[in-house]
Amino acid sequence: MTLLAPQINGAVFLDAAKALWYVPSLEPGHLDWRNATPVDMATRCSRPAP
């Protein structure tokens, strides 16, 4: 499942193993899968600060 989230400039993705990932957006309609990072539930997000 993927949830598009323009507020965080990307998407949140739940993979088959139920791991949550943040995927940054390159431009509208295009996600940067090479720079996807796992969401650390202990700190809520492992995405680097802008």
C-alpha atoms as a PDB file:
ATOM      1  CA  MET A   1       0.000   0.000   0.000  1.00  0.00           C
ATOM      2  CA  THR A   2       1.273   3.492  -0.824  1.00  0.00           C
ATOM      3  CA  LEU A   3      -0.003   6.724   0.678  1.00  0.00           C
ATOM      4  CA  LEU A   4       0.929   9.861  -1.262  1.00  0.00           C
ATOM      5  CA  ALA A   5       1.771  12.661   1.148  1.00  0.00           C
ATOM      6  CA  PRO A   6       2.555  16.011  -0.497  1.00  0.00           C
ATOM      7  CA  GLN A   7       2.901  17.578   2.981  1.00  0.00           C
ATOM      8  CA  ILE A   8       6.127  15.605   3.485  1.00  0.00           C
ATOM      9  CA  ASN A   9       7.194  15.762  -0.164  1.00  0.00           C
ATOM     10  CA  GLY A  10       6.875  12.051  -0.791  1.00  0.00           C
ATOM     11  CA  ALA A  11       4.970   8.901   0.009  1.00  0.00           C
ATOM     12  CA  VAL A  12       4.728   6.332   2.773  1.00  0.00           C
ATOM     13  CA  PHE A  13       4.875   2.738   1.573  1.00  0.00           C
ATOM     14  CA  LEU A  14       3.975  -0.480   3.411  1.00  0.00           C
ATOM     15  CA  ASP A  15       5.848  -3.447   1.942  1.00  0.00           C
ATOM     16  CA  ALA A  16       4.863  -7.139   1.949  1.00  0.00           C
ATOM     17  CA  ALA A  17       6.809  -7.723   5.195  1.00  0.00           C
ATOM     18  CA  LYS A  18       4.747  -4.936   6.849  1.00  0.00           C
ATOM     19  CA  ALA A  19       7.764  -2.619   7.054  1.00  0.00           C
ATOM     20  CA  LEU A  20       7.007   1.076   6.616  1.00  0.00           C
ATOM     21  CA  TRP A  21       9.127   3.141   4.197  1.00  0.00           C
ATOM     22  CA  TYR A  22       9.349   6.833   3.280  1.00  0.00           C
ATOM     23  CA  VAL A  23       9.894   7.471  -0.443  1.00  0.00           C
ATOM     24  CA  PRO A  24      10.827  11.046  -1.446  1.00  0.00           C
ATOM     25  CA  SER A  25       9.197  12.707  -4.432  1.00  0.00           C
ATOM     26  CA  LEU A  26      11.261  13.826  -7.416  1.00  0.00           C
ATOM     27  CA  GLU A  27       8.435  15.765  -9.067  1.00  0.00           C
ATOM     28  CA  PRO A  28       4.655  15.360  -9.124  1.00  0.00           C
ATOM     29  CA  GLY A  29       3.846  11.781 -10.047  1.00  0.00           C
ATOM     30  CA  HIS A  30       7.447  10.497  -9.744  1.00  0.00           C
ATOM     31  CA  LEU A  31       8.925   8.888  -6.637  1.00  0.00           C
ATOM     32  CA  ASP A  32      12.643   8.456  -5.890  1.00  0.00           C
ATOM     33  CA  TRP A  33      12.704   4.753  -4.956  1.00  0.00           C
ATOM     34  CA  ARG A  34      16.535   4.667  -4.864  1.00  0.00           C
ATOM     35  CA  ASN A  35      16.459   7.007  -1.856  1.00  0.00           C
ATOM     36  CA  ALA A  36      13.667   5.263   0.050  1.00  0.00           C
ATOM     37  CA  THR A  37      14.341   4.986   3.787  1.00  0.00           C
ATOM     38  CA  PRO A  38      12.707   2.795   6.426  1.00  0.00           C
ATOM     39  CA  VAL A  39      10.535   4.564   8.957  1.00  0.00           C
ATOM     40  CA  ASP A  40      11.886   4.072  12.459  1.00  0.00           C
ATOM     41  CA  MET A  41       8.792   3.618  14.612  1.00  0.00           C
ATOM     42  CA  ALA A  42      10.788   4.553  17.741  1.00  0.00           C
ATOM     43  CA  THR A  43      11.427   8.072  16.420  1.00  0.00           C
ATOM     44  CA  ARG A  44       8.488   8.077  13.955  1.00  0.00           C
ATOM     45  CA  CYS A  45      10.588   8.751  10.848  1.00  0.00           C
ATOM     46  CA  SER A  46      14.181   8.203   9.796  1.00  0.00           C
ATOM     47  CA  ARG A  47      13.915  10.711   6.942  1.00  0.00           C
ATOM     48  CA  PRO A  48      16.710  13.315   7.109  1.00  0.00           C
ATOM     49  CA  ALA A  49      15.644  16.839   8.023  1.00  0.00           C
ATOM     50  CA  PRO A  50      15.301  19.174   5.016  1.00  0.00           C
END
